[in-house]
Amino acid sequence: MYLLDTDILVDHLRGYRSLAVIAQEFSCSLSDFRISIISVVELYAGVRDNEEARTNLELVLSVLSQV
């Protein structure tokens, strides 16, 4: 299990580095990644004024388990 930092998720959402590539680098799958509720709150704060970004965030969060 890997706890993802907010910066990693921001990079993914901005298209800099995908979670799939990170998973491959760690020889794991997306199901091995977790996100803290604090990161979730930070991410929602960052997309509060952008409906498209919010939709993308919700898609990413749908595949990550929260801790």
Protein backbone atom coordinates (compact mmCIF):
# COMPACT_ATOMS: atom_id res chain seq x y z
CA MET A 1 0.00 0.00 0.00
CA TYR A 2 1.21 3.50 -0.88
CA LEU A 3 -0.19 6.76 0.48
CA LEU A 4 -0.18 9.35 -2.27
CA ASP A 5 0.79 12.92 -1.49
CA THR A 6 -1.41 15.76 -2.76
CA ASP A 7 1.39 16.92 -5.10
CA ILE A 8 1.43 13.55 -6.89
CA LEU A 9 -2.30 13.81 -7.53
CA VAL A 10 -2.06 17.43 -8.66
CA ASP A 11 0.65 16.41 -11.15
CA HIS A 12 -1.62 13.62 -12.43
CA LEU A 13 -4.61 15.95 -12.79
CA ARG A 14 -2.50 18.51 -14.65
CA GLY A 15 -1.25 15.82 -17.02
CA TYR A 16 2.39 15.92 -15.91
CA ARG A 17 2.68 12.36 -14.66
CA SER A 18 -0.01 9.70 -14.71
CA LEU A 19 -0.84 7.42 -11.82
CA ALA A 20 -0.46 4.46 -14.19
CA VAL A 21 3.19 5.42 -14.81
CA ILE A 22 3.80 5.80 -11.09
CA ALA A 23 2.23 2.41 -10.42
CA GLN A 24 4.45 0.88 -13.07
CA GLU A 25 7.54 2.47 -11.50
CA PHE A 26 6.61 0.91 -8.13
CA SER A 27 5.64 -2.41 -9.75
CA CYS A 28 2.16 -2.19 -8.27
CA SER A 29 -1.39 -1.52 -9.38
CA LEU A 30 -3.67 1.47 -8.84
CA SER A 31 -5.49 -0.53 -6.16
CA ASP A 32 -2.32 -0.33 -4.04
CA PHE A 33 -2.62 3.47 -3.80
CA ARG A 34 -4.43 5.28 -1.00
CA ILE A 35 -5.26 8.93 -0.41
CA SER A 36 -5.77 10.71 2.90
CA ILE A 37 -8.93 12.65 3.61
CA ILE A 38 -6.73 15.72 4.08
CA SER A 39 -5.49 15.38 0.49
CA VAL A 40 -9.08 14.98 -0.70
CA VAL A 41 -10.05 18.26 0.99
CA GLU A 42 -6.99 20.03 -0.45
CA LEU A 43 -7.79 18.78 -3.95
CA TYR A 44 -11.45 19.84 -3.76
CA ALA A 45 -10.33 23.29 -2.58
CA GLY A 46 -8.08 23.53 -5.62
CA VAL A 47 -10.86 22.77 -8.13
CA ARG A 48 -13.72 24.64 -6.47
CA ASP A 49 -14.16 27.11 -9.36
CA ASN A 50 -13.59 24.70 -12.27
CA GLU A 51 -16.32 22.18 -13.11
CA GLU A 52 -14.18 20.22 -15.58
CA ALA A 53 -11.33 19.88 -13.09
CA ARG A 54 -13.80 18.81 -10.41
CA THR A 55 -15.19 16.11 -12.70
CA ASN A 56 -11.67 14.84 -13.43
CA LEU A 57 -10.87 14.84 -9.71
CA GLU A 58 -13.99 12.83 -8.91
CA LEU A 59 -13.04 10.28 -11.55
CA VAL A 60 -9.58 9.87 -9.99
CA LEU A 61 -11.02 9.64 -6.48
CA SER A 62 -13.44 6.94 -7.61
CA VAL A 63 -10.54 4.53 -8.09
CA LEU A 64 -8.56 5.42 -4.94
CA SER A 65 -9.31 4.21 -1.43
CA GLN A 66 -9.35 6.88 1.26
CA VAL A 67 -7.67 6.54 4.62
